[in-house]
Amino acid sequence: MNRLPATSVYSEAPNVGNTMIHGRSKHIVDVERELAHWKAAFNLGTLPAMSFRYEVAPVVRLACDIYVRDPHGTRSAWIDDLQDRLAKRSSLRGHPGAAEIADRCWTLLGCA
C-alpha cells in the first residue's frame, strides 16, 4: 500500500513575535490541533494502538490536560498523574501504549 508522507500540522503556523516557536504558542495547548497531529501519526501506523477514538484520543487529551496543569513538571510526575487517571477509567486501564503516546505528546508540546 502506498502512503503519502506525513505532514505535521505544526509546519503550517507562522512564527509571530516571541510568543511563537516552531508554530506553537508557549501559553496554550490547542487540543484539536494535537488530535489532528496524532490522528495523522496513527493513520501512518506509528502509534502503539488499535483504535484512535478509544485509545489514542483519550490519552492525548489526558496528556494535554496534565501538561497544561503543570507545564514545568517532570516527566515522572506527569507519568504518575497519567497512571492515576488511567486507573480511574476502565476503558483505558492497562493500556500498554498509553505512557508512550503521552510521552511523545509531551515531547512535542515541550518543543515550544
PDB file of N, CA and C in Angstrom:
ATOM      1  N   MET A   1       0.849  -1.168   0.000  1.00  0.00           N
ATOM      2  CA  MET A   1       0.000   0.000   0.000  1.00  0.00           C
ATOM      3  C   MET A   1       0.900   1.239   0.000  1.00  0.00           C
ATOM      4  N   ASN A   2       0.600   2.190  -0.864  1.00  0.00           N
ATOM      5  CA  ASN A   2       1.343   3.442  -0.915  1.00  0.00           C
ATOM      6  C   ASN A   2       0.717   4.440   0.036  1.00  0.00           C
ATOM      7  N   ARG A   3       1.559   5.087   0.814  1.00  0.00           N
ATOM      8  CA  ARG A   3       1.082   6.098   1.746  1.00  0.00           C
ATOM      9  C   ARG A   3       1.773   7.412   1.444  1.00  0.00           C
ATOM     10  N   LEU A   4       1.033   8.476   1.630  1.00  0.00           N
ATOM     11  CA  LEU A   4       1.612   9.802   1.462  1.00  0.00           C
ATOM     12  C   LEU A   4       2.539  10.103   2.625  1.00  0.00           C
ATOM     13  N   PRO A   5       3.571  10.925   2.399  1.00  0.00           N
ATOM     14  CA  PRO A   5       4.440  11.291   3.515  1.00  0.00           C
ATOM     15  C   PRO A   5       3.661  12.047   4.583  1.00  0.00           C
ATOM     16  N   ALA A   6       4.064  11.865   5.819  1.00  0.00           N
ATOM     17  CA  ALA A   6       3.393  12.546   6.928  1.00  0.00           C
ATOM     18  C   ALA A   6       3.674  14.036   6.869  1.00  0.00           C
ATOM     19  N   THR A   7       2.674  14.806   7.158  1.00  0.00           N
ATOM     20  CA  THR A   7       2.869  16.241   7.289  1.00  0.00           C
ATOM     21  C   THR A   7       2.405  16.629   8.673  1.00  0.00           C
ATOM     22  N   SER A   8       3.091  17.553   9.260  1.00  0.00           N
ATOM     23  CA  SER A   8       2.750  17.991  10.597  1.00  0.00           C
ATOM     24  C   SER A   8       1.879  19.228  10.531  1.00  0.00           C
ATOM     25  N   VAL A   9       0.876  19.285  11.382  1.00  0.00           N
ATOM     26  CA  VAL A   9       0.046  20.482  11.449  1.00  0.00           C
ATOM     27  C   VAL A   9       0.842  21.644  12.000  1.00  0.00           C
ATOM     28  N   TYR A  10       1.999  21.382  12.592  1.00  0.00           N
ATOM     29  CA  TYR A  10       2.810  22.437  13.180  1.00  0.00           C
ATOM     30  C   TYR A  10       3.592  23.220  12.142  1.00  0.00           C
ATOM     31  N   SER A  11       3.847  22.634  10.995  1.00  0.00           N
ATOM     32  CA  SER A  11       4.644  23.324   9.985  1.00  0.00           C
ATOM     33  C   SER A  11       3.867  24.421   9.274  1.00  0.00           C
ATOM     34  N   GLU A  12       2.558  24.461   9.461  1.00  0.00           N
ATOM     35  CA  GLU A  12       1.724  25.428   8.756  1.00  0.00           C
ATOM     36  C   GLU A  12       1.583  26.759   9.485  1.00  0.00           C
ATOM     37  N   ALA A  13       1.881  26.818  10.757  1.00  0.00           N
ATOM     38  CA  ALA A  13       1.663  28.044  11.535  1.00  0.00           C
ATOM     39  C   ALA A  13       2.889  28.947  11.444  1.00  0.00           C
ATOM     40  N   PRO A  14       2.683  30.234  11.240  1.00  0.00           N
ATOM     41  CA  PRO A  14       3.813  31.162  11.156  1.00  0.00           C
ATOM     42  C   PRO A  14       4.353  31.508  12.539  1.00  0.00           C
ATOM     43  N   ASN A  15       5.614  31.904  12.585  1.00  0.00           N
ATOM     44  CA  ASN A  15       6.188  32.404  13.827  1.00  0.00           C
ATOM     45  C   ASN A  15       5.844  33.875  13.937  1.00  0.00           C
ATOM     46  N   VAL A  16       5.277  34.278  15.068  1.00  0.00           N
ATOM     47  CA  VAL A  16       4.859  35.660  15.271  1.00  0.00           C
ATOM     48  C   VAL A  16       5.491  36.182  16.544  1.00  0.00           C
ATOM     49  N   GLY A  17       6.315  37.198  16.420  1.00  0.00           N
ATOM     50  CA  GLY A  17       6.915  37.788  17.611  1.00  0.00           C
ATOM     51  C   GLY A  17       7.702  36.770  18.402  1.00  0.00           C
ATOM     52  N   ASN A  18       7.724  36.945  19.716  1.00  0.00           N
ATOM     53  CA  ASN A  18       8.457  35.995  20.542  1.00  0.00           C
ATOM     54  C   ASN A  18       7.539  35.030  21.274  1.00  0.00           C
ATOM     55  N   THR A  19       6.246  35.032  20.955  1.00  0.00           N
ATOM     56  CA  THR A  19       5.337  34.109  21.639  1.00  0.00           C
ATOM     57  C   THR A  19       5.134  32.816  20.857  1.00  0.00           C
ATOM     58  N   MET A  20       5.694  32.722  19.673  1.00  0.00           N
ATOM     59  CA  MET A  20       5.546  31.507  18.886  1.00  0.00           C
ATOM     60  C   MET A  20       6.926  30.936  18.563  1.00  0.00           C
ATOM     61  N   ILE A  21       7.084  29.665  18.787  1.00  0.00           N
ATOM     62  CA  ILE A  21       8.286  28.963  18.399  1.00  0.00           C
ATOM     63  C   ILE A  21       7.833  27.688  17.702  1.00  0.00           C
ATOM     64  N   HIS A  22       8.387  27.439  16.530  1.00  0.00           N
ATOM     65  CA  HIS A  22       8.003  26.269  15.754  1.00  0.00           C
ATOM     66  C   HIS A  22       6.496  26.219  15.533  1.00  0.00           C
ATOM     67  N   GLY A  23       5.849  27.370  15.400  1.00  0.00           N
ATOM     68  CA  GLY A  23       4.420  27.418  15.130  1.00  0.00           C
ATOM     69  C   GLY A  23       3.547  27.121  16.329  1.00  0.00           C
ATOM     70  N   ARG A  24       4.116  27.130  17.529  1.00  0.00           N
ATOM     71  CA  ARG A  24       3.353  26.782  18.726  1.00  0.00           C
ATOM     72  C   ARG A  24       3.418  27.913  19.737  1.00  0.00           C
ATOM     73  N   SER A  25       2.316  28.181  20.377  1.00  0.00           N
ATOM     74  CA  SER A  25       2.275  29.171  21.448  1.00  0.00           C
ATOM     75  C   SER A  25       2.885  28.571  22.705  1.00  0.00           C
ATOM     76  N   LYS A  26       3.584  29.375  23.455  1.00  0.00           N
ATOM     77  CA  LYS A  26       4.143  28.926  24.723  1.00  0.00           C
ATOM     78  C   LYS A  26       3.084  28.873  25.814  1.00  0.00           C
ATOM     79  N   HIS A  27       1.924  29.489  25.581  1.00  0.00           N
ATOM     80  CA  HIS A  27       0.964  29.711  26.657  1.00  0.00           C
ATOM     81  C   HIS A  27      -0.286  28.841  26.607  1.00  0.00           C
ATOM     82  N   ILE A  28      -0.576  28.218  25.495  1.00  0.00           N
ATOM     83  CA  ILE A  28      -1.795  27.411  25.382  1.00  0.00           C
ATOM     84  C   ILE A  28      -1.498  26.108  24.653  1.00  0.00           C
ATOM     85  N   VAL A  29      -2.407  25.169  24.797  1.00  0.00           N
ATOM     86  CA  VAL A  29      -2.346  23.922  24.038  1.00  0.00           C
ATOM     87  C   VAL A  29      -3.640  23.819  23.248  1.00  0.00           C
ATOM     88  N   ASP A  30      -3.518  23.741  21.955  1.00  0.00           N
ATOM     89  CA  ASP A  30      -4.670  23.568  21.078  1.00  0.00           C
ATOM     90  C   ASP A  30      -4.930  22.069  20.951  1.00  0.00           C
ATOM     91  N   VAL A  31      -5.860  21.568  21.744  1.00  0.00           N
ATOM     92  CA  VAL A  31      -6.112  20.131  21.808  1.00  0.00           C
ATOM     93  C   VAL A  31      -6.571  19.587  20.455  1.00  0.00           C
ATOM     94  N   GLU A  32      -7.378  20.334  19.741  1.00  0.00           N
ATOM     95  CA  GLU A  32      -7.835  19.865  18.419  1.00  0.00           C
ATOM     96  C   GLU A  32      -6.657  19.714  17.458  1.00  0.00           C
ATOM     97  N   ARG A  33      -5.711  20.622  17.559  1.00  0.00           N
ATOM     98  CA  ARG A  33      -4.511  20.550  16.723  1.00  0.00           C
ATOM     99  C   ARG A  33      -3.672  19.338  17.117  1.00  0.00           C
ATOM    100  N   GLU A  34      -3.561  19.103  18.411  1.00  0.00           N
ATOM    101  CA  GLU A  34      -2.846  17.918  18.883  1.00  0.00           C
ATOM    102  C   GLU A  34      -3.505  16.648  18.352  1.00  0.00           C
ATOM    103  N   LEU A  35      -4.822  16.594  18.458  1.00  0.00           N
ATOM    104  CA  LEU A  35      -5.542  15.410  17.983  1.00  0.00           C
ATOM    105  C   LEU A  35      -5.335  15.202  16.483  1.00  0.00           C
ATOM    106  N   ALA A  36      -5.331  16.285  15.715  1.00  0.00           N
ATOM    107  CA  ALA A  36      -5.098  16.173  14.261  1.00  0.00           C
ATOM    108  C   ALA A  36      -3.708  15.612  13.981  1.00  0.00           C
ATOM    109  N   HIS A  37      -2.725  16.097  14.716  1.00  0.00           N
ATOM    110  CA  HIS A  37      -1.356  15.600  14.540  1.00  0.00           C
ATOM    111  C   HIS A  37      -1.268  14.103  14.861  1.00  0.00           C
ATOM    112  N   TRP A  38      -1.833  13.711  15.999  1.00  0.00           N
ATOM    113  CA  TRP A  38      -1.729  12.317  16.426  1.00  0.00           C
ATOM    114  C   TRP A  38      -2.609  11.391  15.604  1.00  0.00           C
ATOM    115  N   LYS A  39      -3.693  11.924  15.039  1.00  0.00           N
ATOM    116  CA  LYS A  39      -4.504  11.097  14.124  1.00  0.00           C
ATOM    117  C   LYS A  39      -3.696  10.779  12.871  1.00  0.00           C
ATOM    118  N   ALA A  40      -2.951  11.767  12.363  1.00  0.00           N
ATOM    119  CA  ALA A  40      -2.097  11.532  11.197  1.00  0.00           C
ATOM    120  C   ALA A  40      -1.035  10.480  11.524  1.00  0.00           C
ATOM    121  N   ALA A  41      -0.430  10.583  12.709  1.00  0.00           N
ATOM    122  CA  ALA A  41       0.573   9.596  13.125  1.00  0.00           C
ATOM    123  C   ALA A  41      -0.055   8.211  13.257  1.00  0.00           C
ATOM    124  N   PHE A  42      -1.253   8.146  13.821  1.00  0.00           N
ATOM    125  CA  PHE A  42      -1.957   6.871  13.958  1.00  0.00           C
ATOM    126  C   PHE A  42      -2.242   6.265  12.589  1.00  0.00           C
ATOM    127  N   ASN A  43      -2.710   7.105  11.657  1.00  0.00           N
ATOM    128  CA  ASN A  43      -3.026   6.618  10.312  1.00  0.00           C
ATOM    129  C   ASN A  43      -1.800   6.078   9.587  1.00  0.00           C
ATOM    130  N   LEU A  44      -0.622   6.565   9.957  1.00  0.00           N
ATOM    131  CA  LEU A  44       0.624   6.059   9.371  1.00  0.00           C
ATOM    132  C   LEU A  44       1.119   4.804  10.083  1.00  0.00           C
ATOM    133  N   GLY A  45       0.432   4.425  11.154  1.00  0.00           N
ATOM    134  CA  GLY A  45       0.808   3.212  11.875  1.00  0.00           C
ATOM    135  C   GLY A  45       1.975   3.382  12.818  1.00  0.00           C
ATOM    136  N   THR A  46       2.227   4.603  13.275  1.00  0.00           N
ATOM    137  CA  THR A  46       3.390   4.846  14.133  1.00  0.00           C
ATOM    138  C   THR A  46       3.064   4.884  15.623  1.00  0.00           C
ATOM    139  N   LEU A  47       1.828   4.586  15.991  1.00  0.00           N
ATOM    140  CA  LEU A  47       1.445   4.601  17.407  1.00  0.00           C
ATOM    141  C   LEU A  47       1.056   3.204  17.874  1.00  0.00           C
ATOM    142  N   PRO A  48       1.371   2.876  19.137  1.00  0.00           N
ATOM    143  CA  PRO A  48       1.041   1.550  19.669  1.00  0.00           C
ATOM    144  C   PRO A  48      -0.415   1.466  20.114  1.00  0.00           C
ATOM    145  N   ALA A  49      -1.323   1.469  19.151  1.00  0.00           N
ATOM    146  CA  ALA A  49      -2.753   1.424  19.471  1.00  0.00           C
ATOM    147  C   ALA A  49      -3.517   0.830  18.291  1.00  0.00           C
ATOM    148  N   MET A  50      -4.681   0.289  18.597  1.00  0.00           N
ATOM    149  CA  MET A  50      -5.539  -0.294  17.565  1.00  0.00           C
ATOM    150  C   MET A  50      -6.663   0.651  17.159  1.00  0.00           C
ATOM    151  N   SER A  51      -7.034   1.583  18.045  1.00  0.00           N
ATOM    152  CA  SER A  51      -8.155   2.483  17.789  1.00  0.00           C
ATOM    153  C   SER A  51      -7.784   3.911  18.154  1.00  0.00           C
ATOM    154  N   PHE A  52      -7.911   4.819  17.199  1.00  0.00           N
ATOM    155  CA  PHE A  52      -7.632   6.217  17.508  1.00  0.00           C
ATOM    156  C   PHE A  52      -8.652   6.749  18.496  1.00  0.00           C
ATOM    157  N   ARG A  53      -9.921   6.505  18.220  1.00  0.00           N
ATOM    158  CA  ARG A  53     -11.008   7.069  19.026  1.00  0.00           C
ATOM    159  C   ARG A  53     -10.989   6.582  20.473  1.00  0.00           C
ATOM    160  N   TYR A  54     -10.709   5.310  20.680  1.00  0.00           N
ATOM    161  CA  TYR A  54     -10.823   4.739  22.017  1.00  0.00           C
ATOM    162  C   TYR A  54      -9.501   4.618  22.771  1.00  0.00           C
ATOM    163  N   GLU A  55      -8.371   4.691  22.069  1.00  0.00           N
ATOM    164  CA  GLU A  55      -7.083   4.539  22.744  1.00  0.00           C
ATOM    165  C   GLU A  55      -6.208   5.783  22.650  1.00  0.00           C
ATOM    166  N   VAL A  56      -6.061   6.331  21.462  1.00  0.00           N
ATOM    167  CA  VAL A  56      -5.139   7.447  21.274  1.00  0.00           C
ATOM    168  C   VAL A  56      -5.754   8.772  21.731  1.00  0.00           C
ATOM    169  N   ALA A  57      -6.923   9.113  21.219  1.00  0.00           N
ATOM    170  CA  ALA A  57      -7.532  10.414  21.522  1.00  0.00           C
ATOM    171  C   ALA A  57      -7.693  10.657  23.026  1.00  0.00           C
ATOM    172  N   PRO A  58      -8.199   9.690  23.799  1.00  0.00           N
ATOM    173  CA  PRO A  58      -8.328   9.948  25.241  1.00  0.00           C
ATOM    174  C   PRO A  58      -6.975  10.171  25.928  1.00  0.00           C
ATOM    175  N   VAL A  59      -5.958   9.444  25.503  1.00  0.00           N
ATOM    176  CA  VAL A  59      -4.630   9.606  26.107  1.00  0.00           C
ATOM    177  C   VAL A  59      -4.041  10.963  25.736  1.00  0.00           C
ATOM    178  N   VAL A  60      -4.214  11.388  24.493  1.00  0.00           N
ATOM    179  CA  VAL A  60      -3.723  12.708  24.071  1.00  0.00           C
ATOM    180  C   VAL A  60      -4.429  13.801  24.868  1.00  0.00           C
ATOM    181  N   ARG A  61      -5.743  13.662  25.042  1.00  0.00           N
ATOM    182  CA  ARG A  61      -6.477  14.659  25.837  1.00  0.00           C
ATOM    183  C   ARG A  61      -5.964  14.707  27.281  1.00  0.00           C
ATOM    184  N   LEU A  62      -5.751  13.540  27.878  1.00  0.00           N
ATOM    185  CA  LEU A  62      -5.212  13.490  29.235  1.00  0.00           C
ATOM    186  C   LEU A  62      -3.814  14.105  29.294  1.00  0.00           C
ATOM    187  N   ALA A  63      -2.975  13.776  28.331  1.00  0.00           N
ATOM    188  CA  ALA A  63      -1.612  14.308  28.305  1.00  0.00           C
ATOM    189  C   ALA A  63      -1.622  15.827  28.184  1.00  0.00           C
ATOM    190  N   CYS A  64      -2.487  16.352  27.339  1.00  0.00           N
ATOM    191  CA  CYS A  64      -2.603  17.807  27.192  1.00  0.00           C
ATOM    192  C   CYS A  64      -3.061  18.448  28.498  1.00  0.00           C
ATOM    193  N   ASP A  65      -4.035  17.841  29.148  1.00  0.00           N
ATOM    194  CA  ASP A  65      -4.542  18.380  30.411  1.00  0.00           C
ATOM    195  C   ASP A  65      -3.458  18.365  31.488  1.00  0.00           C
ATOM    196  N   ILE A  66      -2.729  17.274  31.573  1.00  0.00           N
ATOM    197  CA  ILE A  66      -1.648  17.170  32.549  1.00  0.00           C
ATOM    198  C   ILE A  66      -0.593  18.234  32.273  1.00  0.00           C
ATOM    199  N   TYR A  67      -0.259  18.425  31.011  1.00  0.00           N
ATOM    200  CA  TYR A  67       0.749  19.421  30.632  1.00  0.00           C
ATOM    201  C   TYR A  67       0.287  20.840  30.969  1.00  0.00           C
ATOM    202  N   VAL A  68      -0.970  21.152  30.664  1.00  0.00           N
ATOM    203  CA  VAL A  68      -1.489  22.495  30.926  1.00  0.00           C
ATOM    204  C   VAL A  68      -1.526  22.779  32.430  1.00  0.00           C
ATOM    205  N   ARG A  69      -1.877  21.784  33.209  1.00  0.00           N
ATOM    206  CA  ARG A  69      -1.965  21.974  34.657  1.00  0.00           C
ATOM    207  C   ARG A  69      -0.589  22.120  35.320  1.00  0.00           C
ATOM    208  N   ASP A  70       0.438  21.531  34.701  1.00  0.00           N
ATOM    209  CA  ASP A  70       1.776  21.581  35.292  1.00  0.00           C
ATOM    210  C   ASP A  70       2.836  21.605  34.189  1.00  0.00           C
ATOM    211  N   PRO A  71       2.923  22.717  33.427  1.00  0.00           N
ATOM    212  CA  PRO A  71       3.822  22.759  32.276  1.00  0.00           C
ATOM    213  C   PRO A  71       5.301  22.673  32.623  1.00  0.00           C
ATOM    214  N   HIS A  72       5.666  22.923  33.853  1.00  0.00           N
ATOM    215  CA  HIS A  72       7.071  22.865  34.260  1.00  0.00           C
ATOM    216  C   HIS A  72       7.361  21.628  35.100  1.00  0.00           C
ATOM    217  N   GLY A  73       6.415  20.697  35.113  1.00  0.00           N
ATOM    218  CA  GLY A  73       6.586  19.478  35.896  1.00  0.00           C
ATOM    219  C   GLY A  73       7.604  18.538  35.275  1.00  0.00           C
ATOM    220  N   THR A  74       7.884  17.470  35.982  1.00  0.00           N
ATOM    221  CA  THR A  74       8.823  16.464  35.493  1.00  0.00           C
ATOM    222  C   THR A  74       8.060  15.364  34.760  1.00  0.00           C
ATOM    223  N   ARG A  75       8.765  14.682  33.888  1.00  0.00           N
ATOM    224  CA  ARG A  75       8.132  13.570  33.173  1.00  0.00           C
ATOM    225  C   ARG A  75       7.627  12.510  34.143  1.00  0.00           C
ATOM    226  N   SER A  76       8.394  12.234  35.172  1.00  0.00           N
ATOM    227  CA  SER A  76       7.961  11.195  36.115  1.00  0.00           C
ATOM    228  C   SER A  76       6.683  11.610  36.838  1.00  0.00           C
ATOM    229  N   ALA A  77       6.548  12.899  37.172  1.00  0.00           N
ATOM    230  CA  ALA A  77       5.312  13.369  37.812  1.00  0.00           C
ATOM    231  C   ALA A  77       4.149  13.283  36.836  1.00  0.00           C
ATOM    232  N   TRP A  78       4.405  13.620  35.572  1.00  0.00           N
ATOM    233  CA  TRP A  78       3.348  13.537  34.561  1.00  0.00           C
ATOM    234  C   TRP A  78       2.914  12.082  34.351  1.00  0.00           C
ATOM    235  N   ILE A  79       3.879  11.172  34.307  1.00  0.00           N
ATOM    236  CA  ILE A  79       3.554   9.743  34.134  1.00  0.00           C
ATOM    237  C   ILE A  79       2.746   9.244  35.327  1.00  0.00           C
ATOM    238  N   ASP A  80       3.140   9.637  36.540  1.00  0.00           N
ATOM    239  CA  ASP A  80       2.384   9.239  37.735  1.00  0.00           C
ATOM    240  C   ASP A  80       0.945   9.746  37.654  1.00  0.00           C
ATOM    241  N   ASP A  81       0.785  11.005  37.255  1.00  0.00           N
ATOM    242  CA  ASP A  81      -0.556  11.581  37.107  1.00  0.00           C
ATOM    243  C   ASP A  81      -1.344  10.828  36.044  1.00  0.00           C
ATOM    244  N   LEU A  82      -0.689  10.527  34.931  1.00  0.00           N
ATOM    245  CA  LEU A  82      -1.347   9.778  33.858  1.00  0.00           C
ATOM    246  C   LEU A  82      -1.804   8.410  34.358  1.00  0.00           C
ATOM    247  N   GLN A  83      -0.923   7.689  35.058  1.00  0.00           N
ATOM    248  CA  GLN A  83      -1.278   6.357  35.558  1.00  0.00           C
ATOM    249  C   GLN A  83      -2.453   6.431  36.533  1.00  0.00           C
ATOM    250  N   ASP A  84      -2.460   7.467  37.397  1.00  0.00           N
ATOM    251  CA  ASP A  84      -3.583   7.642  38.326  1.00  0.00           C
ATOM    252  C   ASP A  84      -4.885   7.858  37.568  1.00  0.00           C
ATOM    253  N   ARG A  85      -4.835   8.681  36.543  1.00  0.00           N
ATOM    254  CA  ARG A  85      -6.049   8.969  35.769  1.00  0.00           C
ATOM    255  C   ARG A  85      -6.500   7.769  34.952  1.00  0.00           C
ATOM    256  N   LEU A  86      -5.548   7.031  34.391  1.00  0.00           N
ATOM    257  CA  LEU A  86      -5.902   5.844  33.610  1.00  0.00           C
ATOM    258  C   LEU A  86      -6.548   4.783  34.492  1.00  0.00           C
ATOM    259  N   ALA A  87      -6.084   4.681  35.722  1.00  0.00           N
ATOM    260  CA  ALA A  87      -6.636   3.687  36.649  1.00  0.00           C
ATOM    261  C   ALA A  87      -8.103   3.946  36.951  1.00  0.00           C
ATOM    262  N   LYS A  88      -8.531   5.191  36.820  1.00  0.00           N
ATOM    263  CA  LYS A  88      -9.924   5.556  37.090  1.00  0.00           C
ATOM    264  C   LYS A  88     -10.828   5.362  35.874  1.00  0.00           C
ATOM    265  N   ARG A  89     -10.240   5.031  34.730  1.00  0.00           N
ATOM    266  CA  ARG A  89     -11.017   4.858  33.502  1.00  0.00           C
ATOM    267  C   ARG A  89     -10.899   3.410  33.049  1.00  0.00           C
ATOM    268  N   SER A  90     -11.944   2.655  33.234  1.00  0.00           N
ATOM    269  CA  SER A  90     -11.882   1.229  32.920  1.00  0.00           C
ATOM    270  C   SER A  90     -11.536   0.959  31.457  1.00  0.00           C
ATOM    271  N   SER A  91     -11.936   1.837  30.565  1.00  0.00           N
ATOM    272  CA  SER A  91     -11.668   1.614  29.153  1.00  0.00           C
ATOM    273  C   SER A  91     -10.192   1.787  28.799  1.00  0.00           C
ATOM    274  N   LEU A  92      -9.431   2.500  29.641  1.00  0.00           N
ATOM    275  CA  LEU A  92      -8.013   2.723  29.364  1.00  0.00           C
ATOM    276  C   LEU A  92      -7.085   2.036  30.356  1.00  0.00           C
ATOM    277  N   ARG A  93      -7.649   1.456  31.393  1.00  0.00           N
ATOM    278  CA  ARG A  93      -6.842   0.797  32.413  1.00  0.00           C
ATOM    279  C   ARG A  93      -6.026  -0.328  31.774  1.00  0.00           C
ATOM    280  N   GLY A  94      -4.740  -0.313  31.990  1.00  0.00           N
ATOM    281  CA  GLY A  94      -3.882  -1.361  31.448  1.00  0.00           C
ATOM    282  C   GLY A  94      -3.491  -1.162  29.991  1.00  0.00           C
ATOM    283  N   HIS A  95      -3.789  -0.005  29.411  1.00  0.00           N
ATOM    284  CA  HIS A  95      -3.437   0.275  28.012  1.00  0.00           C
ATOM    285  C   HIS A  95      -1.909   0.316  27.901  1.00  0.00           C
ATOM    286  N   PRO A  96      -1.292  -0.670  27.228  1.00  0.00           N
ATOM    287  CA  PRO A  96       0.164  -0.766  27.230  1.00  0.00           C
ATOM    288  C   PRO A  96       0.879   0.377  26.504  1.00  0.00           C
ATOM    289  N   GLY A  97       0.223   1.037  25.574  1.00  0.00           N
ATOM    290  CA  GLY A  97       0.878   2.098  24.826  1.00  0.00           C
ATOM    291  C   GLY A  97       0.593   3.496  25.332  1.00  0.00           C
ATOM    292  N   ALA A  98      -0.195   3.630  26.392  1.00  0.00           N
ATOM    293  CA  ALA A  98      -0.606   4.951  26.872  1.00  0.00           C
ATOM    294  C   ALA A  98       0.582   5.816  27.283  1.00  0.00           C
ATOM    295  N   ALA A  99       1.504   5.250  28.035  1.00  0.00           N
ATOM    296  CA  ALA A  99       2.654   6.040  28.501  1.00  0.00           C
ATOM    297  C   ALA A  99       3.502   6.503  27.321  1.00  0.00           C
ATOM    298  N   GLU A 100       3.685   5.641  26.331  1.00  0.00           N
ATOM    299  CA  GLU A 100       4.474   6.026  25.156  1.00  0.00           C
ATOM    300  C   GLU A 100       3.788   7.136  24.370  1.00  0.00           C
ATOM    301  N   ILE A 101       2.485   7.007  24.169  1.00  0.00           N
ATOM    302  CA  ILE A 101       1.732   8.040  23.442  1.00  0.00           C
ATOM    303  C   ILE A 101       1.810   9.365  24.188  1.00  0.00           C
ATOM    304  N   ALA A 102       1.571   9.334  25.494  1.00  0.00           N
ATOM    305  CA  ALA A 102       1.613  10.560  26.296  1.00  0.00           C
ATOM    306  C   ALA A 102       3.010  11.166  26.280  1.00  0.00           C
ATOM    307  N   ASP A 103       4.029  10.346  26.413  1.00  0.00           N
ATOM    308  CA  ASP A 103       5.397  10.852  26.414  1.00  0.00           C
ATOM    309  C   ASP A 103       5.743  11.522  25.083  1.00  0.00           C
ATOM    310  N   ARG A 104       5.307  10.936  23.983  1.00  0.00           N
ATOM    311  CA  ARG A 104       5.549  11.536  22.674  1.00  0.00           C
ATOM    312  C   ARG A 104       4.789  12.858  22.547  1.00  0.00           C
ATOM    313  N   CYS A 105       3.593  12.917  23.094  1.00  0.00           N
ATOM    314  CA  CYS A 105       2.807  14.158  23.087  1.00  0.00           C
ATOM    315  C   CYS A 105       3.524  15.238  23.888  1.00  0.00           C
ATOM    316  N   TRP A 106       4.012  14.876  25.084  1.00  0.00           N
ATOM    317  CA  TRP A 106       4.731  15.852  25.926  1.00  0.00           C
ATOM    318  C   TRP A 106       6.020  16.316  25.260  1.00  0.00           C
ATOM    319  N   THR A 107       6.675  15.417  24.544  1.00  0.00           N
ATOM    320  CA  THR A 107       7.886  15.811  23.827  1.00  0.00           C
ATOM    321  C   THR A 107       7.567  16.877  22.790  1.00  0.00           C
ATOM    322  N   LEU A 108       6.486  16.669  22.061  1.00  0.00           N
ATOM    323  CA  LEU A 108       6.079  17.647  21.054  1.00  0.00           C
ATOM    324  C   LEU A 108       5.644  18.962  21.700  1.00  0.00           C
ATOM    325  N   LEU A 109       4.891  18.885  22.773  1.00  0.00           N
ATOM    326  CA  LEU A 109       4.456  20.096  23.474  1.00  0.00           C
ATOM    327  C   LEU A 109       5.651  20.838  24.066  1.00  0.00           C
ATOM    328  N   GLY A 110       6.640  20.113  24.523  1.00  0.00           N
ATOM    329  CA  GLY A 110       7.807  20.711  25.136  1.00  0.00           C
ATOM    330  C   GLY A 110       8.728  21.414  24.161  1.00  0.00           C
ATOM    331  N   CYS A 111       8.507  21.228  22.859  1.00  0.00           N
ATOM    332  CA  CYS A 111       9.388  21.876  21.872  1.00  0.00           C
ATOM    333  C   CYS A 111       9.140  23.362  21.809  1.00  0.00           C
ATOM    334  N   ALA A 112       8.037  23.837  22.408  1.00  0.00           N
ATOM    335  CA  ALA A 112       7.698  25.267  22.341  1.00  0.00           C
ATOM    336  C   ALA A 112       8.419  26.051  23.402  1.00  0.00           C
TER     337      ALA A 112
END
